[in-house]
Amino acid sequence: MSSSFTKPVPTPTPVTQPFWDGLNAGQVRLQQCNPCGRWIHYPRNRCPSCLSADIDWHDVDGIGEVYTFTVTEQPTAPHFSDEVPQKLAVVELPQGVRLTTTLVNVAVSDIRVGMAVKPYFDALDADTTLLRYEPV
């Protein structure tokens, strides 16, 4: 069943632009607070731990593990009717951040909490790449 809706795409902001630029270059980028060392995701202006604005972007390999997941047999919105079943997951990276994503290139029956996953860069067009995950 195909969708007649146009899928929503992210709209980068000045704060999130480095993250999206990284994905377009095939790289996962995360923020890290310089004073306290905390890794940060989702992108922000200040560290949620110490409130410092002294934050830098770093490239990471993006390899992590499935922290939790769910499989939807009905689309979460009409825009995603072509992706059913949707394999939604939270992936935890070694840096301690968790990213909400979708899993690709894996059978539903093979998905497990703790499963090792790696980034899958899903280029929608020249300007927009989504971060999905697939088994290592």
C-alpha atoms as a PDB file:
ATOM      1  CA  MET A   1       0.000   0.000   0.000  1.00  0.00           C
ATOM      2  CA  SER A   2       1.562   3.297  -1.002  1.00  0.00           C
ATOM      3  CA  SER A   3       1.042   6.554   0.773  1.00  0.00           C
ATOM      4  CA  SER A   4      -0.460   9.579  -0.948  1.00  0.00           C
ATOM      5  CA  PHE A   5       1.039  11.793   1.730  1.00  0.00           C
ATOM      6  CA  THR A   6       4.404  13.519   1.484  1.00  0.00           C
ATOM      7  CA  LYS A   7       6.639  12.292   4.291  1.00  0.00           C
ATOM      8  CA  PRO A   8       7.810  14.931   6.724  1.00  0.00           C
ATOM      9  CA  VAL A   9      11.517  15.715   6.625  1.00  0.00           C
ATOM     10  CA  PRO A  10      13.647  17.345   9.300  1.00  0.00           C
ATOM     11  CA  THR A  11      14.160  21.084   9.209  1.00  0.00           C
ATOM     12  CA  PRO A  12      17.640  21.864  10.520  1.00  0.00           C
ATOM     13  CA  THR A  13      18.083  24.795  12.877  1.00  0.00           C
ATOM     14  CA  PRO A  14      21.340  26.615  13.623  1.00  0.00           C
ATOM     15  CA  VAL A  15      21.792  24.329  16.654  1.00  0.00           C
ATOM     16  CA  THR A  16      21.071  21.056  14.805  1.00  0.00           C
ATOM     17  CA  GLN A  17      22.718  21.882  11.459  1.00  0.00           C
ATOM     18  CA  PRO A  18      26.078  20.190  12.311  1.00  0.00           C
ATOM     19  CA  PHE A  19      24.232  16.943  13.112  1.00  0.00           C
ATOM     20  CA  TRP A  20      22.409  16.955   9.756  1.00  0.00           C
ATOM     21  CA  ASP A  21      25.556  18.018   7.877  1.00  0.00           C
ATOM     22  CA  GLY A  22      27.323  15.030   9.429  1.00  0.00           C
ATOM     23  CA  LEU A  23      24.637  12.626   8.276  1.00  0.00           C
ATOM     24  CA  ASN A  24      24.813  14.067   4.762  1.00  0.00           C
ATOM     25  CA  ALA A  25      28.564  13.324   4.864  1.00  0.00           C
ATOM     26  CA  GLY A  26      27.982   9.775   6.134  1.00  0.00           C
ATOM     27  CA  GLN A  27      29.087  10.593   9.679  1.00  0.00           C
ATOM     28  CA  VAL A  28      27.373  10.577  13.076  1.00  0.00           C
ATOM     29  CA  ARG A  29      28.160  13.764  14.995  1.00  0.00           C
ATOM     30  CA  LEU A  30      27.448  14.334  18.654  1.00  0.00           C
ATOM     31  CA  GLN A  31      27.981  17.239  20.982  1.00  0.00           C
ATOM     32  CA  GLN A  32      30.223  16.959  24.031  1.00  0.00           C
ATOM     33  CA  CYS A  33      30.429  19.433  26.880  1.00  0.00           C
ATOM     34  CA  ASN A  34      34.007  20.598  27.404  1.00  0.00           C
ATOM     35  CA  PRO A  35      33.791  21.424  31.148  1.00  0.00           C
ATOM     36  CA  CYS A  36      32.003  18.260  32.354  1.00  0.00           C
ATOM     37  CA  GLY A  37      32.595  15.840  29.463  1.00  0.00           C
ATOM     38  CA  ARG A  38      28.965  14.806  29.028  1.00  0.00           C
ATOM     39  CA  TRP A  39      27.935  13.610  25.576  1.00  0.00           C
ATOM     40  CA  ILE A  40      24.733  15.283  24.410  1.00  0.00           C
ATOM     41  CA  HIS A  41      21.945  14.257  22.090  1.00  0.00           C
ATOM     42  CA  TYR A  42      19.567  15.838  20.958  1.00  0.00           C
ATOM     43  CA  PRO A  43      21.592  18.940  19.969  1.00  0.00           C
ATOM     44  CA  ARG A  44      21.332  21.884  22.358  1.00  0.00           C
ATOM     45  CA  ASN A  45      22.820  25.285  23.125  1.00  0.00           C
ATOM     46  CA  ARG A  46      23.793  24.296  26.664  1.00  0.00           C
ATOM     47  CA  CYS A  47      24.853  21.185  28.501  1.00  0.00           C
ATOM     48  CA  PRO A  48      21.905  19.682  30.372  1.00  0.00           C
ATOM     49  CA  SER A  49      24.254  18.649  33.219  1.00  0.00           C
ATOM     50  CA  CYS A  50      26.305  21.739  34.016  1.00  0.00           C
ATOM     51  CA  LEU A  51      24.539  24.346  31.816  1.00  0.00           C
ATOM     52  CA  SER A  52      27.778  25.343  30.101  1.00  0.00           C
ATOM     53  CA  ALA A  53      27.578  26.720  26.580  1.00  0.00           C
ATOM     54  CA  ASP A  54      31.130  25.426  25.935  1.00  0.00           C
ATOM     55  CA  ILE A  55      30.094  22.514  23.699  1.00  0.00           C
ATOM     56  CA  ASP A  56      31.900  21.033  20.695  1.00  0.00           C
ATOM     57  CA  TRP A  57      30.851  18.623  17.949  1.00  0.00           C
ATOM     58  CA  HIS A  58      32.689  15.311  17.509  1.00  0.00           C
ATOM     59  CA  ASP A  59      32.459  12.567  14.903  1.00  0.00           C
ATOM     60  CA  VAL A  60      31.724   9.138  16.424  1.00  0.00           C
ATOM     61  CA  ASP A  61      31.398   5.764  14.728  1.00  0.00           C
ATOM     62  CA  GLY A  62      27.729   5.539  15.699  1.00  0.00           C
ATOM     63  CA  ILE A  63      27.905   1.839  16.511  1.00  0.00           C
ATOM     64  CA  GLY A  64      25.625   0.934  19.405  1.00  0.00           C
ATOM     65  CA  GLU A  65      23.049  -1.516  20.612  1.00  0.00           C
ATOM     66  CA  VAL A  66      19.293  -1.719  20.658  1.00  0.00           C
ATOM     67  CA  TYR A  67      18.155  -0.382  24.024  1.00  0.00           C
ATOM     68  CA  THR A  68      14.462  -0.990  23.339  1.00  0.00           C
ATOM     69  CA  PHE A  69      12.236  -1.453  20.311  1.00  0.00           C
ATOM     70  CA  THR A  70       8.705  -1.928  19.109  1.00  0.00           C
ATOM     71  CA  VAL A  71       7.212  -3.122  15.861  1.00  0.00           C
ATOM     72  CA  THR A  72       4.086  -1.403  14.622  1.00  0.00           C
ATOM     73  CA  GLU A  73       1.736  -3.318  12.356  1.00  0.00           C
ATOM     74  CA  GLN A  74      -0.183  -0.130  11.629  1.00  0.00           C
ATOM     75  CA  PRO A  75       1.576   3.023  10.433  1.00  0.00           C
ATOM     76  CA  THR A  76       2.311   5.558  13.156  1.00  0.00           C
ATOM     77  CA  ALA A  77       1.024   8.180  10.712  1.00  0.00           C
ATOM     78  CA  PRO A  78      -0.447   7.898   7.213  1.00  0.00           C
ATOM     79  CA  HIS A  79       2.860   9.168   5.778  1.00  0.00           C
ATOM     80  CA  PHE A  80       4.533   5.907   6.805  1.00  0.00           C
ATOM     81  CA  SER A  81       2.068   3.383   5.396  1.00  0.00           C
ATOM     82  CA  ASP A  82       4.755   2.159   2.972  1.00  0.00           C
ATOM     83  CA  GLU A  83       7.066   1.247   5.892  1.00  0.00           C
ATOM     84  CA  VAL A  84       4.780  -1.206   7.710  1.00  0.00           C
ATOM     85  CA  PRO A  85       5.793  -3.032   9.740  1.00  0.00           C
ATOM     86  CA  GLN A  86       7.674  -0.114  11.267  1.00  0.00           C
ATOM     87  CA  LYS A  87      10.671  -1.271  13.297  1.00  0.00           C
ATOM     88  CA  LEU A  88      11.107   1.559  15.782  1.00  0.00           C
ATOM     89  CA  ALA A  89      14.028   1.487  18.181  1.00  0.00           C
ATOM     90  CA  VAL A  90      16.054   3.413  20.695  1.00  0.00           C
ATOM     91  CA  VAL A  91      19.755   2.801  20.130  1.00  0.00           C
ATOM     92  CA  GLU A  92      22.252   3.434  22.917  1.00  0.00           C
ATOM     93  CA  LEU A  93      25.751   4.498  21.925  1.00  0.00           C
ATOM     94  CA  PRO A  94      28.879   3.882  24.045  1.00  0.00           C
ATOM     95  CA  GLN A  95      28.947   7.630  24.760  1.00  0.00           C
ATOM     96  CA  GLY A  96      25.742   7.125  26.775  1.00  0.00           C
ATOM     97  CA  VAL A  97      23.356   8.915  24.435  1.00  0.00           C
ATOM     98  CA  ARG A  98      20.225   7.256  23.100  1.00  0.00           C
ATOM     99  CA  LEU A  99      18.849   7.941  19.645  1.00  0.00           C
ATOM    100  CA  THR A 100      15.332   7.191  18.451  1.00  0.00           C
ATOM    101  CA  THR A 101      15.457   5.582  15.025  1.00  0.00           C
ATOM    102  CA  THR A 102      14.113   2.935  12.713  1.00  0.00           C
ATOM    103  CA  LEU A 103      15.783  -0.380  11.999  1.00  0.00           C
ATOM    104  CA  VAL A 104      16.420  -1.526   8.432  1.00  0.00           C
ATOM    105  CA  ASN A 105      17.809  -4.639   6.766  1.00  0.00           C
ATOM    106  CA  VAL A 106      16.656  -6.906   9.593  1.00  0.00           C
ATOM    107  CA  ALA A 107      13.762  -9.331   9.952  1.00  0.00           C
ATOM    108  CA  VAL A 108      11.332  -8.529  12.742  1.00  0.00           C
ATOM    109  CA  SER A 109      11.978 -11.952  14.274  1.00  0.00           C
ATOM    110  CA  ASP A 110      15.719 -11.178  14.542  1.00  0.00           C
ATOM    111  CA  ILE A 111      15.435  -7.912  16.493  1.00  0.00           C
ATOM    112  CA  ARG A 112      16.604  -8.204  20.100  1.00  0.00           C
ATOM    113  CA  VAL A 113      17.376  -5.836  22.955  1.00  0.00           C
ATOM    114  CA  GLY A 114      21.174  -5.652  23.126  1.00  0.00           C
ATOM    115  CA  MET A 115      21.596  -6.396  19.408  1.00  0.00           C
ATOM    116  CA  ALA A 116      24.679  -4.664  17.972  1.00  0.00           C
ATOM    117  CA  VAL A 117      23.762  -2.128  15.294  1.00  0.00           C
ATOM    118  CA  LYS A 118      25.567   0.294  13.029  1.00  0.00           C
ATOM    119  CA  PRO A 119      24.467   3.454  11.230  1.00  0.00           C
ATOM    120  CA  TYR A 120      22.644   3.227   7.946  1.00  0.00           C
ATOM    121  CA  PHE A 121      22.625   6.592   6.184  1.00  0.00           C
ATOM    122  CA  ASP A 122      19.341   6.904   4.300  1.00  0.00           C
ATOM    123  CA  ALA A 123      19.785   9.728   1.765  1.00  0.00           C
ATOM    124  CA  LEU A 124      16.360  11.079   0.881  1.00  0.00           C
ATOM    125  CA  ASP A 125      17.831  13.689  -1.457  1.00  0.00           C
ATOM    126  CA  ALA A 126      20.982  15.801  -1.810  1.00  0.00           C
ATOM    127  CA  ASP A 127      20.150  17.815   1.315  1.00  0.00           C
ATOM    128  CA  THR A 128      18.533  15.314   3.690  1.00  0.00           C
ATOM    129  CA  THR A 129      19.933  12.100   5.101  1.00  0.00           C
ATOM    130  CA  LEU A 130      18.187  10.198   7.881  1.00  0.00           C
ATOM    131  CA  LEU A 131      20.011   8.119  10.467  1.00  0.00           C
ATOM    132  CA  ARG A 132      18.621   4.621  10.571  1.00  0.00           C
ATOM    133  CA  TYR A 133      20.284   1.515  12.004  1.00  0.00           C
ATOM    134  CA  GLU A 134      21.018  -2.015  10.781  1.00  0.00           C
ATOM    135  CA  PRO A 135      22.623  -5.066  12.393  1.00  0.00           C
ATOM    136  CA  VAL A 136      26.421  -5.108  12.576  1.00  0.00           C
END
